[in-house]
PDB file of N, CA and C in Angstrom:
ATOM      1  N   MET A   1     204.050 155.795 203.183  1.00  0.00           N
ATOM      2  CA  MET A   1     203.447 154.829 203.688  1.00  0.00           C
ATOM      3  C   MET A   1     203.877 155.202 205.427  1.00  0.00           C
ATOM      4  N   VAL A   2     202.550 155.007 206.312  1.00  0.00           N
ATOM      5  CA  VAL A   2     202.746 155.331 207.484  1.00  0.00           C
ATOM      6  C   VAL A   2     202.085 154.065 208.380  1.00  0.00           C
ATOM      7  N   GLY A   3     202.745 153.736 209.336  1.00  0.00           N
ATOM      8  CA  GLY A   3     202.419 152.608 209.856  1.00  0.00           C
ATOM      9  C   GLY A   3     202.233 153.334 211.474  1.00  0.00           C
ATOM     10  N   SER A   4     201.253 152.225 212.192  1.00  0.00           N
ATOM     11  CA  SER A   4     200.829 152.608 213.606  1.00  0.00           C
ATOM     12  C   SER A   4     200.814 151.436 214.293  1.00  0.00           C
ATOM     13  N   PRO A   5     200.983 151.108 215.678  1.00  0.00           N
ATOM     14  CA  PRO A   5     200.380 150.189 216.435  1.00  0.00           C
ATOM     15  C   PRO A   5     199.337 150.768 216.829  1.00  0.00           C
ATOM     16  N   VAL A   6     198.425 149.911 217.331  1.00  0.00           N
ATOM     17  CA  VAL A   6     197.067 150.486 218.195  1.00  0.00           C
ATOM     18  C   VAL A   6     197.156 150.553 219.318  1.00  0.00           C
ATOM     19  N   TYR A   7     196.745 151.799 219.742  1.00  0.00           N
ATOM     20  CA  TYR A   7     196.897 152.153 221.217  1.00  0.00           C
ATOM     21  C   TYR A   7     195.630 152.575 221.609  1.00  0.00           C
ATOM     22  N   PHE A   8     194.796 152.149 222.776  1.00  0.00           N
ATOM     23  CA  PHE A   8     193.503 152.249 223.106  1.00  0.00           C
ATOM     24  C   PHE A   8     192.644 152.542 222.078  1.00  0.00           C
ATOM     25  N   GLY A   9     192.661 151.771 220.936  1.00  0.00           N
ATOM     26  CA  GLY A   9     191.886 151.844 219.814  1.00  0.00           C
ATOM     27  C   GLY A   9     192.154 152.899 218.803  1.00  0.00           C
ATOM     28  N   GLY A  10     193.321 153.302 218.784  1.00  0.00           N
ATOM     29  CA  GLY A  10     193.718 154.496 217.795  1.00  0.00           C
ATOM     30  C   GLY A  10     194.990 154.753 217.550  1.00  0.00           C
ATOM     31  N   ILE A  11     195.287 155.701 216.862  1.00  0.00           N
ATOM     32  CA  ILE A  11     196.787 155.947 216.449  1.00  0.00           C
ATOM     33  C   ILE A  11     197.546 156.094 217.693  1.00  0.00           C
ATOM     34  N   ALA A  12     198.777 155.814 217.730  1.00  0.00           N
ATOM     35  CA  ALA A  12     199.961 156.165 218.908  1.00  0.00           C
ATOM     36  C   ALA A  12     199.907 157.794 218.716  1.00  0.00           C
ATOM     37  N   GLY A  13     199.943 158.061 220.212  1.00  0.00           N
ATOM     38  CA  GLY A  13     199.745 159.463 220.426  1.00  0.00           C
ATOM     39  C   GLY A  13     200.998 160.294 219.762  1.00  0.00           C
ATOM     40  N   GLY A  14     202.176 159.770 219.903  1.00  0.00           N
ATOM     41  CA  GLY A  14     203.329 160.683 219.504  1.00  0.00           C
ATOM     42  C   GLY A  14     203.064 160.585 218.013  1.00  0.00           C
ATOM     43  N   LEU A  15     202.754 159.687 217.251  1.00  0.00           N
ATOM     44  CA  LEU A  15     202.556 159.955 215.838  1.00  0.00           C
ATOM     45  C   LEU A  15     201.418 160.770 215.189  1.00  0.00           C
ATOM     46  N   LYS A  16     200.076 160.815 216.397  1.00  0.00           N
ATOM     47  CA  LYS A  16     199.246 161.388 215.916  1.00  0.00           C
ATOM     48  C   LYS A  16     199.609 162.830 216.148  1.00  0.00           C
ATOM     49  N   CYS A  17     200.086 163.471 216.886  1.00  0.00           N
ATOM     50  CA  CYS A  17     200.785 164.805 217.094  1.00  0.00           C
ATOM     51  C   CYS A  17     201.641 165.314 215.926  1.00  0.00           C
ATOM     52  N   LEU A  18     202.538 164.218 215.520  1.00  0.00           N
ATOM     53  CA  LEU A  18     203.442 164.359 214.523  1.00  0.00           C
ATOM     54  C   LEU A  18     202.276 164.722 213.025  1.00  0.00           C
ATOM     55  N   LEU A  19     201.286 163.842 212.715  1.00  0.00           N
ATOM     56  CA  LEU A  19     200.605 163.800 211.823  1.00  0.00           C
ATOM     57  C   LEU A  19     199.637 165.024 211.782  1.00  0.00           C
ATOM     58  N   ASP A  20     199.035 165.602 212.793  1.00  0.00           N
ATOM     59  CA  ASP A  20     198.377 166.786 213.291  1.00  0.00           C
ATOM     60  C   ASP A  20     199.105 168.209 212.673  1.00  0.00           C
ATOM     61  N   ARG A  21     200.265 167.906 213.254  1.00  0.00           N
ATOM     62  CA  ARG A  21     201.034 169.044 212.936  1.00  0.00           C
ATOM     63  C   ARG A  21     201.732 169.238 211.317  1.00  0.00           C
ATOM     64  N   VAL A  22     202.137 168.214 210.888  1.00  0.00           N
ATOM     65  CA  VAL A  22     202.729 168.140 209.607  1.00  0.00           C
ATOM     66  C   VAL A  22     201.566 168.260 208.643  1.00  0.00           C
ATOM     67  N   PHE A  23     200.402 167.615 208.694  1.00  0.00           N
ATOM     68  CA  PHE A  23     199.351 167.833 207.814  1.00  0.00           C
ATOM     69  C   PHE A  23     198.844 169.289 207.971  1.00  0.00           C
ATOM     70  N   TYR A  24     198.606 169.817 208.810  1.00  0.00           N
ATOM     71  CA  TYR A  24     198.296 171.140 209.016  1.00  0.00           C
ATOM     72  C   TYR A  24     199.129 172.382 208.710  1.00  0.00           C
ATOM     73  N   ASP A  25     200.552 172.240 209.008  1.00  0.00           N
ATOM     74  CA  ASP A  25     201.372 173.015 208.159  1.00  0.00           C
ATOM     75  C   ASP A  25     201.629 172.827 207.000  1.00  0.00           C
ATOM     76  N   ALA A  26     201.775 171.522 206.256  1.00  0.00           N
ATOM     77  CA  ALA A  26     202.506 171.557 205.055  1.00  0.00           C
ATOM     78  C   ALA A  26     201.507 170.454 204.195  1.00  0.00           C
ATOM     79  N   LYS A  27     200.126 170.499 204.217  1.00  0.00           N
ATOM     80  CA  LYS A  27     199.207 169.584 203.635  1.00  0.00           C
ATOM     81  C   LYS A  27     199.471 169.855 202.142  1.00  0.00           C
ATOM     82  N   ARG A  28     199.802 170.961 201.689  1.00  0.00           N
ATOM     83  CA  ARG A  28     199.793 171.212 199.960  1.00  0.00           C
ATOM     84  C   ARG A  28     201.062 170.389 199.626  1.00  0.00           C
ATOM     85  N   LEU A  29     201.998 170.204 200.412  1.00  0.00           N
ATOM     86  CA  LEU A  29     203.252 169.259 199.982  1.00  0.00           C
ATOM     87  C   LEU A  29     202.716 167.748 199.512  1.00  0.00           C
ATOM     88  N   PHE A  30     201.674 167.469 200.212  1.00  0.00           N
ATOM     89  CA  PHE A  30     201.379 166.378 199.893  1.00  0.00           C
ATOM     90  C   PHE A  30     200.405 165.957 198.738  1.00  0.00           C
ATOM     91  N   PHE A  31     199.827 167.084 198.135  1.00  0.00           N
ATOM     92  CA  PHE A  31     198.888 166.692 197.159  1.00  0.00           C
ATOM     93  C   PHE A  31     199.231 165.620 196.063  1.00  0.00           C
ATOM     94  N   TYR A  32     198.288 164.580 195.999  1.00  0.00           N
ATOM     95  CA  TYR A  32     198.523 163.799 194.796  1.00  0.00           C
ATOM     96  C   TYR A  32     199.665 162.755 194.730  1.00  0.00           C
ATOM     97  N   LYS A  33     200.413 162.830 196.208  1.00  0.00           N
ATOM     98  CA  LYS A  33     201.426 161.687 196.423  1.00  0.00           C
ATOM     99  C   LYS A  33     200.645 160.419 196.911  1.00  0.00           C
ATOM    100  N   PRO A  34     200.774 159.358 196.600  1.00  0.00           N
ATOM    101  CA  PRO A  34     200.178 158.150 197.006  1.00  0.00           C
ATOM    102  C   PRO A  34     200.414 157.755 198.315  1.00  0.00           C
ATOM    103  N   ALA A  35     199.528 157.258 199.151  1.00  0.00           N
ATOM    104  CA  ALA A  35     199.713 156.853 200.718  1.00  0.00           C
ATOM    105  C   ALA A  35     199.147 155.578 200.881  1.00  0.00           C
ATOM    106  N   ALA A  36     199.833 154.744 202.069  1.00  0.00           N
ATOM    107  CA  ALA A  36     199.195 153.987 202.589  1.00  0.00           C
ATOM    108  C   ALA A  36     199.274 153.916 203.712  1.00  0.00           C
ATOM    109  N   ALA A  37     198.366 153.287 204.542  1.00  0.00           N
ATOM    110  CA  ALA A  37     198.042 153.100 205.981  1.00  0.00           C
ATOM    111  C   ALA A  37     198.534 151.551 206.427  1.00  0.00           C
ATOM    112  N   VAL A  38     199.224 151.531 207.496  1.00  0.00           N
ATOM    113  CA  VAL A  38     199.723 150.013 207.953  1.00  0.00           C
ATOM    114  C   VAL A  38     199.339 150.149 209.198  1.00  0.00           C
ATOM    115  N   VAL A  39     198.700 149.072 210.059  1.00  0.00           N
ATOM    116  CA  VAL A  39     198.463 149.038 211.278  1.00  0.00           C
ATOM    117  C   VAL A  39     198.848 147.591 211.795  1.00  0.00           C
ATOM    118  N   THR A  40     199.199 147.803 213.116  1.00  0.00           N
ATOM    119  CA  THR A  40     199.446 146.401 214.102  1.00  0.00           C
ATOM    120  C   THR A  40     198.842 146.297 215.223  1.00  0.00           C
ATOM    121  N   CYS A  41     198.232 145.192 215.760  1.00  0.00           N
ATOM    122  CA  CYS A  41     197.391 145.452 216.786  1.00  0.00           C
ATOM    123  C   CYS A  41     197.266 143.853 217.401  1.00  0.00           C
ATOM    124  N   ARG A  42     197.120 143.873 218.903  1.00  0.00           N
ATOM    125  CA  ARG A  42     197.251 142.655 219.418  1.00  0.00           C
ATOM    126  C   ARG A  42     195.930 141.789 219.284  1.00  0.00           C
ATOM    127  N   ARG A  43     194.749 142.572 219.165  1.00  0.00           N
ATOM    128  CA  ARG A  43     193.585 142.163 219.216  1.00  0.00           C
ATOM    129  C   ARG A  43     192.588 142.890 218.513  1.00  0.00           C
ATOM    130  N   GLY A  44     192.206 144.014 218.636  1.00  0.00           N
ATOM    131  CA  GLY A  44     191.097 144.962 218.205  1.00  0.00           C
ATOM    132  C   GLY A  44     191.762 146.147 218.028  1.00  0.00           C
ATOM    133  N   GLY A  45     190.846 147.087 217.216  1.00  0.00           N
ATOM    134  CA  GLY A  45     191.177 148.693 217.166  1.00  0.00           C
ATOM    135  C   GLY A  45     191.884 149.029 215.759  1.00  0.00           C
ATOM    136  N   ALA A  46     192.111 147.668 215.211  1.00  0.00           N
ATOM    137  CA  ALA A  46     193.084 148.036 213.695  1.00  0.00           C
ATOM    138  C   ALA A  46     191.896 148.829 212.774  1.00  0.00           C
ATOM    139  N   GLY A  47     190.631 148.359 212.833  1.00  0.00           N
ATOM    140  CA  GLY A  47     189.817 149.288 211.842  1.00  0.00           C
ATOM    141  C   GLY A  47     189.812 151.057 212.115  1.00  0.00           C
ATOM    142  N   ASN A  48     189.638 151.107 213.157  1.00  0.00           N
ATOM    143  CA  ASN A  48     189.580 152.661 213.787  1.00  0.00           C
ATOM    144  C   ASN A  48     190.764 153.260 213.391  1.00  0.00           C
ATOM    145  N   THR A  49     191.582 152.358 213.619  1.00  0.00           N
ATOM    146  CA  THR A  49     193.343 153.088 213.579  1.00  0.00           C
ATOM    147  C   THR A  49     193.667 153.175 211.883  1.00  0.00           C
ATOM    148  N   PHE A  50     193.279 152.501 211.028  1.00  0.00           N
ATOM    149  CA  PHE A  50     193.495 152.380 209.910  1.00  0.00           C
ATOM    150  C   PHE A  50     192.759 153.444 209.193  1.00  0.00           C
ATOM    151  N   ASP A  51     191.621 153.785 209.685  1.00  0.00           N
ATOM    152  CA  ASP A  51     190.479 154.762 209.148  1.00  0.00           C
ATOM    153  C   ASP A  51     191.010 156.032 209.509  1.00  0.00           C
ATOM    154  N   GLN A  52     191.629 156.348 210.893  1.00  0.00           N
ATOM    155  CA  GLN A  52     192.520 157.572 211.212  1.00  0.00           C
ATOM    156  C   GLN A  52     193.512 158.217 210.471  1.00  0.00           C
ATOM    157  N   LEU A  53     194.159 156.968 210.122  1.00  0.00           N
ATOM    158  CA  LEU A  53     195.165 157.117 209.002  1.00  0.00           C
ATOM    159  C   LEU A  53     195.041 157.656 207.825  1.00  0.00           C
ATOM    160  N   ASN A  54     194.037 156.885 207.358  1.00  0.00           N
ATOM    161  CA  ASN A  54     193.651 157.204 205.796  1.00  0.00           C
ATOM    162  C   ASN A  54     193.137 158.934 205.643  1.00  0.00           C
ATOM    163  N   LYS A  55     192.312 159.188 206.866  1.00  0.00           N
ATOM    164  CA  LYS A  55     191.934 160.511 206.997  1.00  0.00           C
ATOM    165  C   LYS A  55     192.597 161.729 206.578  1.00  0.00           C
ATOM    166  N   TYR A  56     193.985 161.443 207.127  1.00  0.00           N
ATOM    167  CA  TYR A  56     195.013 162.604 206.711  1.00  0.00           C
ATOM    168  C   TYR A  56     195.341 162.588 205.210  1.00  0.00           C
ATOM    169  N   PHE A  57     195.417 161.423 204.875  1.00  0.00           N
ATOM    170  CA  PHE A  57     195.716 161.089 203.092  1.00  0.00           C
ATOM    171  C   PHE A  57     194.449 161.712 202.506  1.00  0.00           C
ATOM    172  N   THR A  58     193.112 161.419 202.739  1.00  0.00           N
ATOM    173  CA  THR A  58     191.851 161.703 201.829  1.00  0.00           C
ATOM    174  C   THR A  58     191.928 163.293 201.904  1.00  0.00           C
ATOM    175  N   ILE A  59     192.087 163.497 203.276  1.00  0.00           N
ATOM    176  CA  ILE A  59     191.714 165.118 203.016  1.00  0.00           C
ATOM    177  C   ILE A  59     193.016 165.730 202.519  1.00  0.00           C
ATOM    178  N   SER A  60     193.864 165.601 201.949  1.00  0.00           N
ATOM    179  CA  SER A  60     194.917 166.030 201.603  1.00  0.00           C
ATOM    180  C   SER A  60     195.058 165.592 200.200  1.00  0.00           C
ATOM    181  N   SER A  61     194.216 165.173 199.641  1.00  0.00           N
ATOM    182  CA  SER A  61     194.031 164.961 197.981  1.00  0.00           C
ATOM    183  C   SER A  61     195.091 163.913 197.638  1.00  0.00           C
ATOM    184  N   MET A  62     195.360 162.851 198.472  1.00  0.00           N
ATOM    185  CA  MET A  62     196.546 161.858 198.090  1.00  0.00           C
ATOM    186  C   MET A  62     195.585 160.745 197.738  1.00  0.00           C
ATOM    187  N   PRO A  63     195.826 159.982 196.616  1.00  0.00           N
ATOM    188  CA  PRO A  63     195.383 158.822 196.398  1.00  0.00           C
ATOM    189  C   PRO A  63     195.967 157.527 197.369  1.00  0.00           C
ATOM    190  N   VAL A  64     195.077 156.687 198.012  1.00  0.00           N
ATOM    191  CA  VAL A  64     195.409 155.859 198.941  1.00  0.00           C
ATOM    192  C   VAL A  64     195.383 154.509 198.166  1.00  0.00           C
ATOM    193  N   VAL A  65     196.703 153.981 198.535  1.00  0.00           N
ATOM    194  CA  VAL A  65     197.023 152.766 198.112  1.00  0.00           C
ATOM    195  C   VAL A  65     196.343 151.465 198.885  1.00  0.00           C
ATOM    196  N   SER A  66     195.808 150.623 198.355  1.00  0.00           N
ATOM    197  CA  SER A  66     195.048 149.422 198.900  1.00  0.00           C
ATOM    198  C   SER A  66     195.543 148.190 198.750  1.00  0.00           C
ATOM    199  N   SER A  67     194.716 147.216 199.390  1.00  0.00           N
ATOM    200  CA  SER A  67     195.466 145.888 199.106  1.00  0.00           C
ATOM    201  C   SER A  67     194.205 144.965 199.136  1.00  0.00           C
ATOM    202  N   GLN A  68     194.096 143.646 199.366  1.00  0.00           N
ATOM    203  CA  GLN A  68     193.029 142.935 199.301  1.00  0.00           C
ATOM    204  C   GLN A  68     192.285 142.943 200.645  1.00  0.00           C
ATOM    205  N   TYR A  69     192.795 143.458 201.643  1.00  0.00           N
ATOM    206  CA  TYR A  69     191.977 143.678 202.916  1.00  0.00           C
ATOM    207  C   TYR A  69     192.353 144.926 203.697  1.00  0.00           C
ATOM    208  N   TRP A  70     192.071 145.271 204.822  1.00  0.00           N
ATOM    209  CA  TRP A  70     192.777 146.359 205.550  1.00  0.00           C
ATOM    210  C   TRP A  70     194.256 146.215 205.648  1.00  0.00           C
ATOM    211  N   ASN A  71     195.013 146.968 205.692  1.00  0.00           N
ATOM    212  CA  ASN A  71     196.367 146.973 205.839  1.00  0.00           C
ATOM    213  C   ASN A  71     196.750 146.619 207.131  1.00  0.00           C
ATOM    214  N   GLY A  72     196.668 145.720 207.596  1.00  0.00           N
ATOM    215  CA  GLY A  72     196.987 145.407 208.992  1.00  0.00           C
ATOM    216  C   GLY A  72     197.442 143.993 209.404  1.00  0.00           C
ATOM    217  N   VAL A  73     198.250 143.935 210.539  1.00  0.00           N
ATOM    218  CA  VAL A  73     198.649 142.352 211.164  1.00  0.00           C
ATOM    219  C   VAL A  73     198.411 142.433 212.435  1.00  0.00           C
ATOM    220  N   HIS A  74     198.003 141.252 213.167  1.00  0.00           N
ATOM    221  CA  HIS A  74     197.739 140.905 214.413  1.00  0.00           C
ATOM    222  C   HIS A  74     198.975 140.373 215.066  1.00  0.00           C
ATOM    223  N   GLY A  75     199.232 140.849 216.043  1.00  0.00           N
ATOM    224  CA  GLY A  75     200.380 140.120 217.058  1.00  0.00           C
ATOM    225  C   GLY A  75     200.973 141.150 218.004  1.00  0.00           C
ATOM    226  N   ASP A  76     201.214 140.583 219.226  1.00  0.00           N
ATOM    227  CA  ASP A  76     201.835 141.408 220.150  1.00  0.00           C
ATOM    228  C   ASP A  76     203.482 141.575 220.033  1.00  0.00           C
ATOM    229  N   ARG A  77     203.963 140.259 219.409  1.00  0.00           N
ATOM    230  CA  ARG A  77     205.489 140.263 219.387  1.00  0.00           C
ATOM    231  C   ARG A  77     205.723 139.922 217.910  1.00  0.00           C
ATOM    232  N   PRO A  78     206.824 140.185 217.499  1.00  0.00           N
ATOM    233  CA  PRO A  78     207.116 139.576 215.894  1.00  0.00           C
ATOM    234  C   PRO A  78     207.094 138.554 215.680  1.00  0.00           C
ATOM    235  N   GLU A  79     207.147 137.441 216.321  1.00  0.00           N
ATOM    236  CA  GLU A  79     206.777 136.108 215.704  1.00  0.00           C
ATOM    237  C   GLU A  79     205.356 135.914 215.915  1.00  0.00           C
ATOM    238  N   GLU A  80     204.452 136.520 216.581  1.00  0.00           N
ATOM    239  CA  GLU A  80     203.115 136.593 216.491  1.00  0.00           C
ATOM    240  C   GLU A  80     202.878 137.253 215.162  1.00  0.00           C
ATOM    241  N   VAL A  81     203.350 138.126 214.826  1.00  0.00           N
ATOM    242  CA  VAL A  81     203.110 139.098 213.435  1.00  0.00           C
ATOM    243  C   VAL A  81     203.461 138.184 212.379  1.00  0.00           C
ATOM    244  N   ARG A  82     204.397 137.358 212.599  1.00  0.00           N
ATOM    245  CA  ARG A  82     204.759 136.650 211.239  1.00  0.00           C
ATOM    246  C   ARG A  82     203.982 135.513 211.194  1.00  0.00           C
ATOM    247  N   ALA A  83     203.387 134.898 212.290  1.00  0.00           N
ATOM    248  CA  ALA A  83     202.557 133.695 212.418  1.00  0.00           C
ATOM    249  C   ALA A  83     201.041 134.153 211.370  1.00  0.00           C
ATOM    250  N   ASP A  84     200.741 135.776 211.200  1.00  0.00           N
ATOM    251  CA  ASP A  84     199.445 136.229 211.042  1.00  0.00           C
ATOM    252  C   ASP A  84     199.796 136.029 209.311  1.00  0.00           C
ATOM    253  N   LEU A  85     199.720 134.775 208.636  1.00  0.00           N
ATOM    254  CA  LEU A  85     199.898 134.758 207.230  1.00  0.00           C
ATOM    255  C   LEU A  85     199.053 135.650 206.403  1.00  0.00           C
ATOM    256  N   GLU A  86     197.679 135.988 206.773  1.00  0.00           N
ATOM    257  CA  GLU A  86     196.838 136.609 206.076  1.00  0.00           C
ATOM    258  C   GLU A  86     197.269 137.828 206.079  1.00  0.00           C
ATOM    259  N   GLY A  87     197.835 138.558 207.244  1.00  0.00           N
ATOM    260  CA  GLY A  87     198.007 139.889 207.395  1.00  0.00           C
ATOM    261  C   GLY A  87     199.336 140.203 206.578  1.00  0.00           C
ATOM    262  N   MET A  88     200.370 139.179 206.988  1.00  0.00           N
ATOM    263  CA  MET A  88     201.395 139.271 205.981  1.00  0.00           C
ATOM    264  C   MET A  88     201.447 139.317 204.618  1.00  0.00           C
ATOM    265  N   GLN A  89     200.476 138.514 204.004  1.00  0.00           N
ATOM    266  CA  GLN A  89     200.228 138.605 202.607  1.00  0.00           C
ATOM    267  C   GLN A  89     199.584 140.000 202.109  1.00  0.00           C
ATOM    268  N   THR A  90     198.705 140.378 203.132  1.00  0.00           N
ATOM    269  CA  THR A  90     197.921 141.707 202.706  1.00  0.00           C
ATOM    270  C   THR A  90     199.182 142.865 202.797  1.00  0.00           C
ATOM    271  N   LEU A  91     200.162 142.823 203.693  1.00  0.00           N
ATOM    272  CA  LEU A  91     201.161 143.904 203.610  1.00  0.00           C
ATOM    273  C   LEU A  91     202.154 143.691 202.487  1.00  0.00           C
ATOM    274  N   ARG A  92     202.489 142.434 202.243  1.00  0.00           N
ATOM    275  CA  ARG A  92     203.347 142.379 200.879  1.00  0.00           C
ATOM    276  C   ARG A  92     202.535 142.766 199.662  1.00  0.00           C
ATOM    277  N   LEU A  93     201.247 142.596 199.471  1.00  0.00           N
ATOM    278  CA  LEU A  93     200.289 143.240 198.327  1.00  0.00           C
ATOM    279  C   LEU A  93     200.301 144.657 198.039  1.00  0.00           C
ATOM    280  N   VAL A  94     200.138 145.415 199.614  1.00  0.00           N
ATOM    281  CA  VAL A  94     200.110 146.661 199.568  1.00  0.00           C
ATOM    282  C   VAL A  94     201.633 147.236 199.313  1.00  0.00           C
ATOM    283  N   GLY A  95     202.732 146.840 199.757  1.00  0.00           N
ATOM    284  CA  GLY A  95     203.899 147.210 199.251  1.00  0.00           C
ATOM    285  C   GLY A  95     204.156 146.963 197.815  1.00  0.00           C
ATOM    286  N   GLY A  96     203.504 146.137 197.238  1.00  0.00           N
ATOM    287  CA  GLY A  96     203.806 145.623 195.621  1.00  0.00           C
ATOM    288  C   GLY A  96     202.808 147.038 194.998  1.00  0.00           C
ATOM    289  N   GLN A  97     201.738 147.055 195.593  1.00  0.00           N
ATOM    290  CA  GLN A  97     200.825 148.179 195.068  1.00  0.00           C
ATOM    291  C   GLN A  97     201.283 149.558 195.270  1.00  0.00           C
ATOM    292  N   TYR A  98     202.035 149.833 196.387  1.00  0.00           N
ATOM    293  CA  TYR A  98     202.519 151.105 196.457  1.00  0.00           C
ATOM    294  C   TYR A  98     203.805 151.531 195.556  1.00  0.00           C
ATOM    295  N   GLY A  99     204.267 150.409 195.215  1.00  0.00           N
ATOM    296  CA  GLY A  99     205.594 150.461 194.372  1.00  0.00           C
ATOM    297  C   GLY A  99     204.963 150.732 192.860  1.00  0.00           C
ATOM    298  N   LEU A 100     203.898 150.398 192.648  1.00  0.00           N
ATOM    299  CA  LEU A 100     203.425 150.751 191.234  1.00  0.00           C
ATOM    300  C   LEU A 100     202.776 152.000 190.995  1.00  0.00           C
ATOM    301  N   ALA A 101     202.178 152.523 192.421  1.00  0.00           N
ATOM    302  CA  ALA A 101     201.646 153.696 192.219  1.00  0.00           C
ATOM    303  C   ALA A 101     202.569 154.901 192.652  1.00  0.00           C
ATOM    304  N   ALA A 102     203.800 154.634 193.514  1.00  0.00           N
ATOM    305  CA  ALA A 102     204.665 155.872 193.832  1.00  0.00           C
ATOM    306  C   ALA A 102     205.470 156.714 192.610  1.00  0.00           C
ATOM    307  N   PRO A 103     205.385 155.961 191.180  1.00  0.00           N
ATOM    308  CA  PRO A 103     205.934 157.084 190.271  1.00  0.00           C
ATOM    309  C   PRO A 103     204.834 158.071 189.617  1.00  0.00           C
ATOM    310  N   LEU A 104     203.602 157.357 190.146  1.00  0.00           N
ATOM    311  CA  LEU A 104     202.312 158.276 189.335  1.00  0.00           C
ATOM    312  C   LEU A 104     202.268 159.722 189.983  1.00  0.00           C
ATOM    313  N   HIS A 105     202.773 160.013 191.246  1.00  0.00           N
ATOM    314  CA  HIS A 105     202.698 161.315 191.606  1.00  0.00           C
ATOM    315  C   HIS A 105     203.010 162.541 190.737  1.00  0.00           C
ATOM    316  N   ASP A 106     204.081 162.070 190.058  1.00  0.00           N
ATOM    317  CA  ASP A 106     204.680 163.238 189.083  1.00  0.00           C
ATOM    318  C   ASP A 106     203.869 163.500 187.919  1.00  0.00           C
ATOM    319  N   ARG A 107     202.790 162.876 187.726  1.00  0.00           N
ATOM    320  CA  ARG A 107     201.908 163.056 186.499  1.00  0.00           C
ATOM    321  C   ARG A 107     200.529 164.256 186.734  1.00  0.00           C
ATOM    322  N   ARG A 108     200.469 164.673 187.862  1.00  0.00           N
ATOM    323  CA  ARG A 108     199.566 165.800 188.050  1.00  0.00           C
ATOM    324  C   ARG A 108     199.800 166.935 186.931  1.00  0.00           C
ATOM    325  N   PRO A 109     198.730 167.412 186.528  1.00  0.00           N
ATOM    326  CA  PRO A 109     198.779 168.498 185.668  1.00  0.00           C
ATOM    327  C   PRO A 109     199.781 169.731 186.084  1.00  0.00           C
ATOM    328  N   ARG A 110     200.698 170.096 185.333  1.00  0.00           N
ATOM    329  CA  ARG A 110     201.555 171.276 185.500  1.00  0.00           C
ATOM    330  C   ARG A 110     201.042 172.527 185.982  1.00  0.00           C
ATOM    331  N   GLY A 111     201.801 173.173 186.789  1.00  0.00           N
ATOM    332  CA  GLY A 111     201.222 174.415 187.307  1.00  0.00           C
ATOM    333  C   GLY A 111     200.091 174.229 188.411  1.00  0.00           C
ATOM    334  N   ARG A 112     199.531 172.967 188.875  1.00  0.00           N
ATOM    335  CA  ARG A 112     198.648 172.592 189.584  1.00  0.00           C
ATOM    336  C   ARG A 112     199.226 172.518 191.229  1.00  0.00           C
ATOM    337  N   ARG A 113     198.873 173.303 192.015  1.00  0.00           N
ATOM    338  CA  ARG A 113     199.522 173.332 193.616  1.00  0.00           C
ATOM    339  C   ARG A 113     198.392 172.505 194.548  1.00  0.00           C
ATOM    340  N   GLY A 114     197.290 172.541 194.092  1.00  0.00           N
ATOM    341  CA  GLY A 114     196.147 172.027 194.820  1.00  0.00           C
ATOM    342  C   GLY A 114     195.227 171.284 194.361  1.00  0.00           C
ATOM    343  N   PRO A 115     194.304 171.091 195.045  1.00  0.00           N
ATOM    344  CA  PRO A 115     193.018 169.681 194.521  1.00  0.00           C
ATOM    345  C   PRO A 115     192.747 169.982 192.915  1.00  0.00           C
ATOM    346  N   LEU A 116     192.504 169.029 192.281  1.00  0.00           N
ATOM    347  CA  LEU A 116     191.720 169.433 190.896  1.00  0.00           C
ATOM    348  C   LEU A 116     190.547 170.027 190.825  1.00  0.00           C
TER     349      LEU A 116
END
């Protein structure tokens, strides 16, 4: 599960550098492992940031864990985020879904190192 605040309509710069390097060098280590993206924003840009994070997962053959809506909350401060009841419900649901999906990554075909 990877989360990012929205900075200038996208992923936080430091996180982007990390993900670029990790997924470039070790993408094969993530094949078939479930993934979920979570974003937080003050107003806008959540959709773009969510999309950017999910692209790392889908290009690496990772099943993406979803929720009832895009996995994000709105708020600039913790109390504002807690007040976003729909966003909090969405995050609780994605956490539960991720818990169900996490044990499944061991079920890939034996001997397979890459995508099917």
